[in-house]
Amino acid sequence: DAGSVDTPEWAICGDAGYSGGTVYHSSYRIKLQGGADRLW
């Protein structure tokens, strides 16, 4: 529990160019029938 929860600066800055470089990403989306409660 004692670990820190410091958000990386590059995740906060609007432009990663001045916060350390290019941020790579990979995103996938799926659409499901029904509400989100059970999925959550």
PDB file of all heavy atoms in Angstrom:
ATOM      1  N   ASP A   1       0.818  -1.212   0.000  1.00  0.00           N
ATOM      2  CA  ASP A   1       0.000   0.000   0.000  1.00  0.00           C
ATOM      3  C   ASP A   1       0.852   1.261   0.000  1.00  0.00           C
ATOM      4  O   ASP A   1       0.382   2.337  -0.386  1.00  0.00           O
ATOM      5  CB  ASP A   1      -0.909   0.045   1.240  1.00  0.00           C
ATOM      6  CG  ASP A   1      -2.011  -1.003   1.191  1.00  0.00           C
ATOM      7  OD1 ASP A   1      -2.226  -1.571   0.114  1.00  0.00           O
ATOM      8  OD2 ASP A   1      -2.636  -1.253   2.233  1.00  0.00           O
ATOM      9  N   ALA A   2       2.092   1.145   0.459  1.00  0.00           N
ATOM     10  CA  ALA A   2       2.923   2.327   0.654  1.00  0.00           C
ATOM     11  C   ALA A   2       3.465   2.903  -0.650  1.00  0.00           C
ATOM     12  O   ALA A   2       4.113   3.934  -0.638  1.00  0.00           O
ATOM     13  CB  ALA A   2       4.087   2.000   1.584  1.00  0.00           C
ATOM     14  N   GLY A   3       3.224   2.267  -1.797  1.00  0.00           N
ATOM     15  CA  GLY A   3       3.733   2.787  -3.066  1.00  0.00           C
ATOM     16  C   GLY A   3       3.115   4.120  -3.424  1.00  0.00           C
ATOM     17  O   GLY A   3       1.997   4.443  -3.033  1.00  0.00           O
ATOM     18  N   SER A   4       3.853   4.936  -4.170  1.00  0.00           N
ATOM     19  CA  SER A   4       3.341   6.249  -4.566  1.00  0.00           C
ATOM     20  C   SER A   4       2.385   6.119  -5.741  1.00  0.00           C
ATOM     21  O   SER A   4       2.360   5.108  -6.437  1.00  0.00           O
ATOM     22  CB  SER A   4       4.505   7.169  -4.961  1.00  0.00           C
ATOM     23  OG  SER A   4       5.137   6.690  -6.133  1.00  0.00           O
ATOM     24  N   VAL A   5       1.594   7.168  -5.942  1.00  0.00           N
ATOM     25  CA  VAL A   5       0.656   7.196  -7.073  1.00  0.00           C
ATOM     26  C   VAL A   5       0.922   8.435  -7.926  1.00  0.00           C
ATOM     27  O   VAL A   5       0.019   9.141  -8.337  1.00  0.00           O
ATOM     28  CB  VAL A   5      -0.814   7.182  -6.595  1.00  0.00           C
ATOM     29  CG1 VAL A   5      -1.191   5.838  -6.054  1.00  0.00           C
ATOM     30  CG2 VAL A   5      -1.069   8.262  -5.548  1.00  0.00           C
ATOM     31  N   ASP A   6       2.190   8.686  -8.160  1.00  0.00           N
ATOM     32  CA  ASP A   6       2.574   9.848  -8.954  1.00  0.00           C
ATOM     33  C   ASP A   6       2.268   9.605 -10.426  1.00  0.00           C
ATOM     34  O   ASP A   6       2.775   8.654 -11.027  1.00  0.00           O
ATOM     35  CB  ASP A   6       4.073  10.135  -8.784  1.00  0.00           C
ATOM     36  CG  ASP A   6       4.435  10.428  -7.333  1.00  0.00           C
ATOM     37  OD1 ASP A   6       3.591  11.024  -6.644  1.00  0.00           O
ATOM     38  OD2 ASP A   6       5.542  10.060  -6.913  1.00  0.00           O
ATOM     39  N   THR A   7       1.459  10.479 -10.996  1.00  0.00           N
ATOM     40  CA  THR A   7       1.133  10.380 -12.413  1.00  0.00           C
ATOM     41  C   THR A   7       2.315  10.866 -13.234  1.00  0.00           C
ATOM     42  O   THR A   7       2.853  11.946 -12.967  1.00  0.00           O
ATOM     43  CB  THR A   7      -0.103  11.229 -12.739  1.00  0.00           C
ATOM     44  OG1 THR A   7      -1.189  10.778 -11.940  1.00  0.00           O
ATOM     45  CG2 THR A   7      -0.466  11.102 -14.208  1.00  0.00           C
ATOM     46  N   PRO A   8       2.775  10.094 -14.232  1.00  0.00           N
ATOM     47  CA  PRO A   8       3.904  10.534 -15.051  1.00  0.00           C
ATOM     48  C   PRO A   8       3.633  11.887 -15.700  1.00  0.00           C
ATOM     49  O   PRO A   8       2.511  12.161 -16.133  1.00  0.00           O
ATOM     50  CB  PRO A   8       4.018   9.429 -16.114  1.00  0.00           C
ATOM     51  CG  PRO A   8       3.346   8.248 -15.520  1.00  0.00           C
ATOM     52  CD  PRO A   8       2.256   8.784 -14.654  1.00  0.00           C
ATOM     53  N   GLU A   9       4.667  12.709 -15.754  1.00  0.00           N
ATOM     54  CA  GLU A   9       4.507  14.052 -16.320  1.00  0.00           C
ATOM     55  C   GLU A   9       4.018  14.006 -17.762  1.00  0.00           C
ATOM     56  O   GLU A   9       3.195  14.819 -18.173  1.00  0.00           O
ATOM     57  CB  GLU A   9       5.844  14.797 -16.243  1.00  0.00           C
ATOM     58  CG  GLU A   9       5.768  16.234 -16.738  1.00  0.00           C
ATOM     59  CD  GLU A   9       7.111  16.923 -16.672  1.00  0.00           C
ATOM     60  OE1 GLU A   9       8.072  16.289 -16.198  1.00  0.00           O
ATOM     61  OE2 GLU A   9       7.202  18.083 -17.106  1.00  0.00           O
ATOM     62  N   TRP A  10       4.483  13.006 -18.516  1.00  0.00           N
ATOM     63  CA  TRP A  10       4.099  12.941 -19.922  1.00  0.00           C
ATOM     64  C   TRP A  10       2.621  12.626 -20.097  1.00  0.00           C
ATOM     65  O   TRP A  10       2.032  12.936 -21.137  1.00  0.00           O
ATOM     66  CB  TRP A  10       4.941  11.904 -20.672  1.00  0.00           C
ATOM     67  CG  TRP A  10       4.884  10.514 -20.109  1.00  0.00           C
ATOM     68  CD1 TRP A  10       5.706   9.970 -19.171  1.00  0.00           C
ATOM     69  CD2 TRP A  10       3.948   9.484 -20.436  1.00  0.00           C
ATOM     70  NE1 TRP A  10       5.354   8.677 -18.899  1.00  0.00           N
ATOM     71  CE2 TRP A  10       4.282   8.343 -19.659  1.00  0.00           C
ATOM     72  CE3 TRP A  10       2.870   9.400 -21.325  1.00  0.00           C
ATOM     73  CZ2 TRP A  10       3.568   7.148 -19.743  1.00  0.00           C
ATOM     74  CZ3 TRP A  10       2.166   8.198 -21.404  1.00  0.00           C
ATOM     75  CH2 TRP A  10       2.507   7.097 -20.620  1.00  0.00           C
ATOM     76  N   ALA A  11       2.016  11.998 -19.081  1.00  0.00           N
ATOM     77  CA  ALA A  11       0.592  11.691 -19.164  1.00  0.00           C
ATOM     78  C   ALA A  11      -0.258  12.911 -18.836  1.00  0.00           C
ATOM     79  O   ALA A  11      -1.444  12.956 -19.155  1.00  0.00           O
ATOM     80  CB  ALA A  11       0.230  10.556 -18.219  1.00  0.00           C
ATOM     81  N   ILE A  12       0.355  13.908 -18.188  1.00  0.00           N
ATOM     82  CA  ILE A  12      -0.364  15.119 -17.818  1.00  0.00           C
ATOM     83  C   ILE A  12      -0.184  16.201 -18.876  1.00  0.00           C
ATOM     84  O   ILE A  12      -1.112  16.915 -19.216  1.00  0.00           O
ATOM     85  CB  ILE A  12       0.135  15.634 -16.453  1.00  0.00           C
ATOM     86  CG1 ILE A  12      -0.125  14.579 -15.368  1.00  0.00           C
ATOM     87  CG2 ILE A  12      -0.515  16.949 -16.087  1.00  0.00           C
ATOM     88  CD1 ILE A  12       0.415  14.956 -14.008  1.00  0.00           C
ATOM     89  N   CYS A  13       1.029  16.306 -19.398  1.00  0.00           N
ATOM     90  CA  CYS A  13       1.312  17.371 -20.358  1.00  0.00           C
ATOM     91  C   CYS A  13       0.506  17.185 -21.637  1.00  0.00           C
ATOM     92  O   CYS A  13       0.274  16.076 -22.091  1.00  0.00           O
ATOM     93  CB  CYS A  13       2.806  17.396 -20.700  1.00  0.00           C
ATOM     94  SG  CYS A  13       3.850  17.838 -19.301  1.00  0.00           S
ATOM     95  N   GLY A  14       0.131  18.289 -22.231  1.00  0.00           N
ATOM     96  CA  GLY A  14      -0.647  18.232 -23.461  1.00  0.00           C
ATOM     97  C   GLY A  14       0.200  17.883 -24.666  1.00  0.00           C
ATOM     98  O   GLY A  14      -0.318  17.511 -25.709  1.00  0.00           O
ATOM     99  N   ASP A  15       1.513  18.009 -24.543  1.00  0.00           N
ATOM    100  CA  ASP A  15       2.396  17.717 -25.671  1.00  0.00           C
ATOM    101  C   ASP A  15       3.576  16.923 -25.148  1.00  0.00           C
ATOM    102  O   ASP A  15       4.408  17.425 -24.410  1.00  0.00           O
ATOM    103  CB  ASP A  15       2.879  19.021 -26.332  1.00  0.00           C
ATOM    104  CG  ASP A  15       3.790  18.764 -27.527  1.00  0.00           C
ATOM    105  OD1 ASP A  15       4.110  17.595 -27.818  1.00  0.00           O
ATOM    106  OD2 ASP A  15       4.171  19.751 -28.159  1.00  0.00           O
ATOM    107  N   ALA A  16       3.653  15.657 -25.531  1.00  0.00           N
ATOM    108  CA  ALA A  16       4.733  14.810 -25.027  1.00  0.00           C
ATOM    109  C   ALA A  16       6.088  15.253 -25.530  1.00  0.00           C
ATOM    110  O   ALA A  16       7.106  14.862 -24.996  1.00  0.00           O
ATOM    111  CB  ALA A  16       4.483  13.357 -25.423  1.00  0.00           C
ATOM    112  N   GLY A  17       6.122  16.077 -26.561  1.00  0.00           N
ATOM    113  CA  GLY A  17       7.387  16.514 -27.107  1.00  0.00           C
ATOM    114  C   GLY A  17       8.260  17.207 -26.092  1.00  0.00           C
ATOM    115  O   GLY A  17       9.463  17.074 -26.092  1.00  0.00           O
ATOM    116  N   TYR A  18       7.631  18.007 -25.185  1.00  0.00           N
ATOM    117  CA  TYR A  18       8.444  18.688 -24.187  1.00  0.00           C
ATOM    118  C   TYR A  18       8.425  17.983 -22.847  1.00  0.00           C
ATOM    119  O   TYR A  18       8.958  18.467 -21.870  1.00  0.00           O
ATOM    120  CB  TYR A  18       8.004  20.153 -24.001  1.00  0.00           C
ATOM    121  CG  TYR A  18       6.597  20.348 -23.512  1.00  0.00           C
ATOM    122  CD1 TYR A  18       6.255  20.090 -22.190  1.00  0.00           C
ATOM    123  CD2 TYR A  18       5.600  20.818 -24.370  1.00  0.00           C
ATOM    124  CE1 TYR A  18       4.978  20.280 -21.730  1.00  0.00           C
ATOM    125  CE2 TYR A  18       4.314  21.020 -23.903  1.00  0.00           C
ATOM    126  CZ  TYR A  18       4.014  20.757 -22.587  1.00  0.00           C
ATOM    127  OH  TYR A  18       2.734  20.958 -22.151  1.00  0.00           O
ATOM    128  N   SER A  19       7.763  16.836 -22.770  1.00  0.00           N
ATOM    129  CA  SER A  19       7.747  16.089 -21.514  1.00  0.00           C
ATOM    130  C   SER A  19       8.518  14.789 -21.635  1.00  0.00           C
ATOM    131  O   SER A  19       8.446  13.946 -20.770  1.00  0.00           O
ATOM    132  CB  SER A  19       6.308  15.784 -21.102  1.00  0.00           C
ATOM    133  OG  SER A  19       5.668  14.990 -22.068  1.00  0.00           O
ATOM    134  N   GLY A  20       9.250  14.613 -22.733  1.00  0.00           N
ATOM    135  CA  GLY A  20      10.101  13.441 -22.791  1.00  0.00           C
ATOM    136  C   GLY A  20      10.136  12.721 -24.113  1.00  0.00           C
ATOM    137  O   GLY A  20      10.962  11.865 -24.329  1.00  0.00           O
ATOM    138  N   GLY A  21       9.247  13.011 -25.059  1.00  0.00           N
ATOM    139  CA  GLY A  21       9.293  12.348 -26.347  1.00  0.00           C
ATOM    140  C   GLY A  21       7.944  11.819 -26.775  1.00  0.00           C
ATOM    141  O   GLY A  21       6.915  12.089 -26.167  1.00  0.00           O
ATOM    142  N   THR A  22       7.944  11.047 -27.859  1.00  0.00           N
ATOM    143  CA  THR A  22       6.715  10.501 -28.419  1.00  0.00           C
ATOM    144  C   THR A  22       6.130   9.407 -27.541  1.00  0.00           C
ATOM    145  O   THR A  22       6.834   8.532 -27.073  1.00  0.00           O
ATOM    146  CB  THR A  22       6.993   9.925 -29.822  1.00  0.00           C
ATOM    147  OG1 THR A  22       7.436  10.980 -30.665  1.00  0.00           O
ATOM    148  CG2 THR A  22       5.732   9.299 -30.407  1.00  0.00           C
ATOM    149  N   VAL A  23       4.816   9.467 -27.337  1.00  0.00           N
ATOM    150  CA  VAL A  23       4.112   8.441 -26.586  1.00  0.00           C
ATOM    151  C   VAL A  23       3.469   7.478 -27.573  1.00  0.00           C
ATOM    152  O   VAL A  23       2.641   7.872 -28.389  1.00  0.00           O
ATOM    153  CB  VAL A  23       3.030   9.053 -25.669  1.00  0.00           C
ATOM    154  CG1 VAL A  23       2.264   7.949 -24.951  1.00  0.00           C
ATOM    155  CG2 VAL A  23       3.659  10.004 -24.660  1.00  0.00           C
ATOM    156  N   TYR A  24       3.855   6.213 -27.515  1.00  0.00           N
ATOM    157  CA  TYR A  24       3.256   5.197 -28.365  1.00  0.00           C
ATOM    158  C   TYR A  24       1.979   4.693 -27.714  1.00  0.00           C
ATOM    159  O   TYR A  24       1.856   4.684 -26.486  1.00  0.00           O
ATOM    160  CB  TYR A  24       4.229   4.036 -28.573  1.00  0.00           C
ATOM    161  CG  TYR A  24       5.467   4.410 -29.348  1.00  0.00           C
ATOM    162  CD1 TYR A  24       6.636   4.804 -28.689  1.00  0.00           C
ATOM    163  CD2 TYR A  24       5.467   4.364 -30.738  1.00  0.00           C
ATOM    164  CE1 TYR A  24       7.773   5.147 -29.397  1.00  0.00           C
ATOM    165  CE2 TYR A  24       6.605   4.702 -31.452  1.00  0.00           C
ATOM    166  CZ  TYR A  24       7.751   5.094 -30.783  1.00  0.00           C
ATOM    167  OH  TYR A  24       8.869   5.446 -31.484  1.00  0.00           O
ATOM    168  N   HIS A  25       1.036   4.274 -28.527  1.00  0.00           N
ATOM    169  CA  HIS A  25      -0.202   3.757 -27.954  1.00  0.00           C
ATOM    170  C   HIS A  25      -0.779   2.652 -28.825  1.00  0.00           C
ATOM    171  O   HIS A  25      -0.480   2.542 -30.021  1.00  0.00           O
ATOM    172  CB  HIS A  25      -1.242   4.868 -27.786  1.00  0.00           C
ATOM    173  CG  HIS A  25      -1.826   5.343 -29.087  1.00  0.00           C
ATOM    174  ND1 HIS A  25      -1.330   6.440 -29.765  1.00  0.00           N
ATOM    175  CD2 HIS A  25      -2.860   4.870 -29.837  1.00  0.00           C
ATOM    176  CE1 HIS A  25      -2.032   6.620 -30.880  1.00  0.00           C
ATOM    177  NE2 HIS A  25      -2.961   5.675 -30.943  1.00  0.00           N
ATOM    178  N   SER A  26      -1.599   1.842 -28.189  1.00  0.00           N
ATOM    179  CA  SER A  26      -2.318   0.784 -28.884  1.00  0.00           C
ATOM    180  C   SER A  26      -3.692   0.678 -28.233  1.00  0.00           C
ATOM    181  O   SER A  26      -3.795   0.462 -27.018  1.00  0.00           O
ATOM    182  CB  SER A  26      -1.550  -0.540 -28.742  1.00  0.00           C
ATOM    183  OG  SER A  26      -2.282  -1.604 -29.316  1.00  0.00           O
ATOM    184  N   SER A  27      -4.765   0.864 -29.028  1.00  0.00           N
ATOM    185  CA  SER A  27      -6.122   0.899 -28.488  1.00  0.00           C
ATOM    186  C   SER A  27      -7.034  -0.077 -29.221  1.00  0.00           C
ATOM    187  O   SER A  27      -6.992  -0.166 -30.459  1.00  0.00           O
ATOM    188  CB  SER A  27      -6.718   2.316 -28.604  1.00  0.00           C
ATOM    189  OG  SER A  27      -5.960   3.251 -27.873  1.00  0.00           O
ATOM    190  N   TYR A  28      -7.872  -0.760 -28.449  1.00  0.00           N
ATOM    191  CA  TYR A  28      -8.861  -1.680 -29.019  1.00  0.00           C
ATOM    192  C   TYR A  28     -10.225  -1.373 -28.401  1.00  0.00           C
ATOM    193  O   TYR A  28     -10.334  -1.032 -27.216  1.00  0.00           O
ATOM    194  CB  TYR A  28      -8.476  -3.139 -28.738  1.00  0.00           C
ATOM    195  CG  TYR A  28      -7.354  -3.618 -29.629  1.00  0.00           C
ATOM    196  CD1 TYR A  28      -6.029  -3.301 -29.340  1.00  0.00           C
ATOM    197  CD2 TYR A  28      -7.609  -4.365 -30.776  1.00  0.00           C
ATOM    198  CE1 TYR A  28      -4.991  -3.708 -30.154  1.00  0.00           C
ATOM    199  CE2 TYR A  28      -6.577  -4.788 -31.597  1.00  0.00           C
ATOM    200  CZ  TYR A  28      -5.274  -4.464 -31.287  1.00  0.00           C
ATOM    201  OH  TYR A  28      -4.256  -4.865 -32.110  1.00  0.00           O
ATOM    202  N   ARG A  29     -11.256  -1.499 -29.245  1.00  0.00           N
ATOM    203  CA  ARG A  29     -12.612  -1.194 -28.809  1.00  0.00           C
ATOM    204  C   ARG A  29     -13.529  -2.359 -29.136  1.00  0.00           C
ATOM    205  O   ARG A  29     -13.384  -3.023 -30.170  1.00  0.00           O
ATOM    206  CB  ARG A  29     -13.118   0.076 -29.473  1.00  0.00           C
ATOM    207  CG  ARG A  29     -14.553   0.466 -29.086  1.00  0.00           C
ATOM    208  CD  ARG A  29     -15.017   1.705 -29.840  1.00  0.00           C
ATOM    209  NE  ARG A  29     -14.257   2.872 -29.411  1.00  0.00           N
ATOM    210  CZ  ARG A  29     -13.792   3.806 -30.237  1.00  0.00           C
ATOM    211  NH1 ARG A  29     -13.976   3.670 -31.547  1.00  0.00           N
ATOM    212  NH2 ARG A  29     -13.133   4.851 -29.775  1.00  0.00           N
ATOM    213  N   ILE A  30     -14.497  -2.598 -28.241  1.00  0.00           N
ATOM    214  CA  ILE A  30     -15.509  -3.611 -28.463  1.00  0.00           C
ATOM    215  C   ILE A  30     -16.854  -3.062 -28.002  1.00  0.00           C
ATOM    216  O   ILE A  30     -16.931  -2.356 -26.987  1.00  0.00           O
ATOM    217  CB  ILE A  30     -15.167  -4.921 -27.705  1.00  0.00           C
ATOM    218  CG1 ILE A  30     -16.153  -6.032 -28.056  1.00  0.00           C
ATOM    219  CG2 ILE A  30     -15.110  -4.698 -26.210  1.00  0.00           C
ATOM    220  CD1 ILE A  30     -15.763  -7.396 -27.487  1.00  0.00           C
ATOM    221  N   LYS A  31     -17.913  -3.317 -28.778  1.00  0.00           N
ATOM    222  CA  LYS A  31     -19.258  -2.881 -28.405  1.00  0.00           C
ATOM    223  C   LYS A  31     -20.052  -4.102 -27.960  1.00  0.00           C
ATOM    224  O   LYS A  31     -20.084  -5.124 -28.655  1.00  0.00           O
ATOM    225  CB  LYS A  31     -19.966  -2.187 -29.572  1.00  0.00           C
ATOM    226  CG  LYS A  31     -21.368  -1.683 -29.200  1.00  0.00           C
ATOM    227  CD  LYS A  31     -22.085  -1.073 -30.404  1.00  0.00           C
ATOM    228  CE  LYS A  31     -21.505   0.276 -30.749  1.00  0.00           C
ATOM    229  NZ  LYS A  31     -22.331   0.957 -31.786  1.00  0.00           N
ATOM    230  N   LEU A  32     -20.679  -3.977 -26.787  1.00  0.00           N
ATOM    231  CA  LEU A  32     -21.412  -5.087 -26.195  1.00  0.00           C
ATOM    232  C   LEU A  32     -22.872  -4.704 -25.964  1.00  0.00           C
ATOM    233  O   LEU A  32     -23.174  -3.538 -25.661  1.00  0.00           O
ATOM    234  CB  LEU A  32     -20.782  -5.497 -24.861  1.00  0.00           C
ATOM    235  CG  LEU A  32     -19.293  -5.869 -24.907  1.00  0.00           C
ATOM    236  CD1 LEU A  32     -18.737  -6.022 -23.504  1.00  0.00           C
ATOM    237  CD2 LEU A  32     -19.095  -7.151 -25.700  1.00  0.00           C
ATOM    238  N   GLN A  33     -23.726  -5.681 -26.078  1.00  0.00           N
ATOM    239  CA  GLN A  33     -25.139  -5.440 -25.848  1.00  0.00           C
ATOM    240  C   GLN A  33     -25.422  -5.354 -24.354  1.00  0.00           C
ATOM    241  O   GLN A  33     -24.916  -6.147 -23.563  1.00  0.00           O
ATOM    242  CB  GLN A  33     -25.985  -6.565 -26.463  1.00  0.00           C
ATOM    243  CG  GLN A  33     -27.486  -6.332 -26.402  1.00  0.00           C
ATOM    244  CD  GLN A  33     -28.264  -7.479 -27.030  1.00  0.00           C
ATOM    245  OE1 GLN A  33     -27.998  -8.642 -26.739  1.00  0.00           O
ATOM    246  NE2 GLN A  33     -29.204  -7.151 -27.902  1.00  0.00           N
ATOM    247  N   GLY A  34     -26.241  -4.380 -23.957  1.00  0.00           N
ATOM    248  CA  GLY A  34     -26.640  -4.274 -22.560  1.00  0.00           C
ATOM    249  C   GLY A  34     -25.831  -3.263 -21.786  1.00  0.00           C
ATOM    250  O   GLY A  34     -24.944  -2.582 -22.321  1.00  0.00           O
ATOM    251  N   GLY A  35     -26.157  -3.142 -20.503  1.00  0.00           N
ATOM    252  CA  GLY A  35     -25.517  -2.170 -19.634  1.00  0.00           C
ATOM    253  C   GLY A  35     -24.108  -2.561 -19.218  1.00  0.00           C
ATOM    254  O   GLY A  35     -23.618  -3.647 -19.540  1.00  0.00           O
ATOM    255  N   ALA A  36     -23.486  -1.654 -18.446  1.00  0.00           N
ATOM    256  CA  ALA A  36     -22.074  -1.815 -18.123  1.00  0.00           C
ATOM    257  C   ALA A  36     -21.823  -2.395 -16.740  1.00  0.00           C
ATOM    258  O   ALA A  36     -20.683  -2.700 -16.404  1.00  0.00           O
ATOM    259  CB  ALA A  36     -21.372  -0.456 -18.230  1.00  0.00           C
ATOM    260  N   ASP A  37     -22.874  -2.569 -15.934  1.00  0.00           N
ATOM    261  CA  ASP A  37     -22.658  -2.950 -14.532  1.00  0.00           C
ATOM    262  C   ASP A  37     -21.908  -4.267 -14.382  1.00  0.00           C
ATOM    263  O   ASP A  37     -20.902  -4.358 -13.667  1.00  0.00           O
ATOM    264  CB  ASP A  37     -24.000  -3.043 -13.800  1.00  0.00           C
ATOM    265  CG  ASP A  37     -24.647  -1.678 -13.622  1.00  0.00           C
ATOM    266  OD1 ASP A  37     -23.947  -0.673 -13.845  1.00  0.00           O
ATOM    267  OD2 ASP A  37     -25.835  -1.622 -13.267  1.00  0.00           O
ATOM    268  N   ARG A  38     -22.397  -5.304 -15.060  1.00  0.00           N
ATOM    269  CA  ARG A  38     -21.772  -6.619 -14.955  1.00  0.00           C
ATOM    270  C   ARG A  38     -20.362  -6.605 -15.550  1.00  0.00           C
ATOM    271  O   ARG A  38     -19.437  -7.221 -15.006  1.00  0.00           O
ATOM    272  CB  ARG A  38     -22.645  -7.662 -15.654  1.00  0.00           C
ATOM    273  CG  ARG A  38     -22.129  -9.084 -15.600  1.00  0.00           C
ATOM    274  CD  ARG A  38     -22.043  -9.617 -14.196  1.00  0.00           C
ATOM    275  NE  ARG A  38     -21.613 -11.010 -14.164  1.00  0.00           N
ATOM    276  CZ  ARG A  38     -21.074 -11.589 -13.111  1.00  0.00           C
ATOM    277  NH1 ARG A  38     -20.927 -10.911 -11.985  1.00  0.00           N
ATOM    278  NH2 ARG A  38     -20.714 -12.868 -13.158  1.00  0.00           N
ATOM    279  N   LEU A  39     -20.189  -5.895 -16.632  1.00  0.00           N
ATOM    280  CA  LEU A  39     -18.879  -5.791 -17.271  1.00  0.00           C
ATOM    281  C   LEU A  39     -17.892  -5.093 -16.353  1.00  0.00           C
ATOM    282  O   LEU A  39     -16.731  -5.502 -16.228  1.00  0.00           O
ATOM    283  CB  LEU A  39     -19.010  -5.038 -18.594  1.00  0.00           C
ATOM    284  CG  LEU A  39     -17.733  -4.865 -19.431  1.00  0.00           C
ATOM    285  CD1 LEU A  39     -17.134  -6.215 -19.790  1.00  0.00           C
ATOM    286  CD2 LEU A  39     -18.035  -4.058 -20.684  1.00  0.00           C
ATOM    287  N   TRP A  40     -18.350  -4.044 -15.680  1.00  0.00           N
ATOM    288  CA  TRP A  40     -17.473  -3.326 -14.766  1.00  0.00           C
ATOM    289  C   TRP A  40     -17.026  -4.223 -13.611  1.00  0.00           C
ATOM    290  O   TRP A  40     -15.880  -4.152 -13.161  1.00  0.00           O
ATOM    291  CB  TRP A  40     -18.175  -2.088 -14.225  1.00  0.00           C
ATOM    292  CG  TRP A  40     -17.373  -1.366 -13.187  1.00  0.00           C
ATOM    293  CD1 TRP A  40     -17.600  -1.309 -11.841  1.00  0.00           C
ATOM    294  CD2 TRP A  40     -16.182  -0.586 -13.414  1.00  0.00           C
ATOM    295  NE1 TRP A  40     -16.641  -0.561 -11.213  1.00  0.00           N
ATOM    296  CE2 TRP A  40     -15.756  -0.094 -12.153  1.00  0.00           C
ATOM    297  CE3 TRP A  40     -15.451  -0.245 -14.545  1.00  0.00           C
ATOM    298  CZ2 TRP A  40     -14.629   0.700 -12.019  1.00  0.00           C
ATOM    299  CZ3 TRP A  40     -14.315   0.548 -14.400  1.00  0.00           C
ATOM    300  CH2 TRP A  40     -13.913   1.008 -13.141  1.00  0.00           C
TER     301      TRP A  40
END
